[in-house]
Amino acid sequence: MDHRPVCGQRGGDRQTFSNACQAEAGGYRVVSQGECRRGGGNAGGGGWGDRPPQRACTREYAPVCARRGRDMRTFGNSCEAESAEYRVVRSGSC
């Protein structure tokens, strides 16, 4: 896995991701290279919100269909889906 931390933003929430690919998979727009700075840019005021830092995922290709709310997406593996805060609903593409 490529570990090049980025700060991603979605709405008023900023979160640090292991790389730009994970940020984009989670629906975040990359706003800066490196970790998000504490105390700024987050609606909750904590820099990372209430979420734990993203975990590192392998590049193993084992596609899954995952859901978050009404949004369903195909991810390369279950780790990537869970890191993006999606719930895996079945193996394979959506």
Protein backbone atom coordinates (compact mmCIF):
# COMPACT_ATOMS: atom_id res chain seq x y z
CA MET A 1 0.00 0.00 0.00
CA ASP A 2 1.15 3.48 -0.84
CA HIS A 3 1.43 5.47 2.42
CA ARG A 4 1.39 9.17 1.56
CA PRO A 5 -0.96 10.84 4.05
CA VAL A 6 -3.40 13.45 2.82
CA CYS A 7 -6.04 15.62 4.44
CA GLY A 8 -9.46 15.11 2.86
CA GLN A 9 -12.58 17.21 3.24
CA ARG A 10 -16.26 16.38 2.77
CA GLY A 11 -18.61 19.17 3.75
CA GLY A 12 -17.32 20.60 7.05
CA ASP A 13 -15.52 17.39 8.01
CA ARG A 14 -11.76 16.95 7.53
CA GLN A 15 -10.06 13.61 7.96
CA THR A 16 -6.55 12.20 7.48
CA PHE A 17 -6.23 9.29 5.03
CA SER A 18 -3.27 7.02 4.25
CA ASN A 19 -3.34 8.17 0.62
CA ALA A 20 -5.40 10.12 -1.91
CA CYS A 21 -7.04 6.97 -3.27
CA GLN A 22 -8.56 6.14 0.13
CA ALA A 23 -9.74 9.72 0.58
CA GLU A 24 -11.47 9.73 -2.79
CA ALA A 25 -12.96 6.27 -2.17
CA GLY A 26 -14.52 7.67 0.99
CA GLY A 27 -16.08 10.57 -0.90
CA TYR A 28 -13.54 13.12 0.37
CA ARG A 29 -11.74 15.78 -1.68
CA VAL A 30 -8.00 16.06 -0.98
CA VAL A 31 -7.31 19.55 0.38
CA SER A 32 -3.64 19.17 1.40
CA GLN A 33 -0.74 16.75 1.49
CA GLY A 34 0.12 15.33 4.93
CA GLU A 35 -2.08 14.91 7.97
CA CYS A 36 -4.91 17.30 8.78
CA ARG A 37 -3.85 19.85 11.36
CA ARG A 38 -5.52 19.56 14.74
CA GLY A 39 -8.00 22.23 15.72
CA GLY A 40 -8.93 23.43 12.24
CA GLY A 41 -11.43 22.86 9.50
CA ASN A 42 -13.64 20.29 11.13
CA ALA A 43 -17.25 20.93 12.08
CA GLY A 44 -16.58 19.32 15.47
CA GLY A 45 -13.43 21.39 15.96
CA GLY A 46 -11.11 18.44 16.65
CA GLY A 47 -9.18 18.12 13.39
CA TRP A 48 -10.11 14.46 12.87
CA GLY A 49 -13.66 14.48 14.20
CA ASP A 50 -14.83 11.56 16.27
CA ARG A 51 -13.40 8.95 13.90
CA PRO A 52 -10.23 6.97 14.51
CA PRO A 53 -7.38 7.42 12.01
CA GLN A 54 -7.70 5.36 8.82
CA ARG A 55 -6.17 1.90 8.92
CA ALA A 56 -3.82 0.65 6.23
CA CYS A 57 -5.35 -1.76 3.72
CA THR A 58 -3.66 -4.23 1.40
CA ARG A 59 -4.01 -4.01 -2.37
CA GLU A 60 -5.55 -7.50 -2.52
CA TYR A 61 -8.25 -7.52 -5.20
CA ALA A 62 -11.30 -9.22 -3.74
CA PRO A 63 -14.18 -6.92 -4.79
CA VAL A 64 -17.11 -6.30 -2.48
CA CYS A 65 -20.35 -4.39 -2.75
CA ALA A 66 -20.83 -2.01 0.18
CA ARG A 67 -23.46 0.46 1.34
CA ARG A 68 -23.50 3.70 3.29
CA GLY A 69 -26.98 5.11 3.60
CA ARG A 70 -28.49 4.89 0.11
CA ASP A 71 -25.12 4.91 -1.63
CA MET A 72 -23.84 1.54 -2.86
CA ARG A 73 -20.32 1.20 -4.27
CA THR A 74 -17.88 -1.48 -5.33
CA PHE A 75 -14.55 -1.51 -3.47
CA GLY A 76 -11.39 -3.49 -4.22
CA ASN A 77 -11.65 -5.30 -0.88
CA SER A 78 -13.56 -5.22 2.41
CA CYS A 79 -10.85 -3.27 4.22
CA GLU A 80 -11.14 -0.39 1.76
CA ALA A 81 -14.93 -0.40 2.13
CA GLU A 82 -14.80 -0.40 5.93
CA SER A 83 -12.12 2.32 5.95
CA ALA A 84 -14.49 4.49 3.91
CA GLU A 85 -17.20 3.75 6.52
CA TYR A 86 -19.27 1.56 4.21
CA ARG A 87 -20.89 -1.71 5.31
CA VAL A 88 -20.13 -4.71 3.12
CA VAL A 89 -23.37 -6.26 1.84
CA ARG A 90 -21.97 -8.98 -0.45
CA SER A 91 -18.91 -10.28 -2.27
CA GLY A 92 -18.39 -9.14 -5.85
CA SER A 93 -19.36 -5.99 -7.69
CA CYS A 94 -22.58 -4.09 -7.01
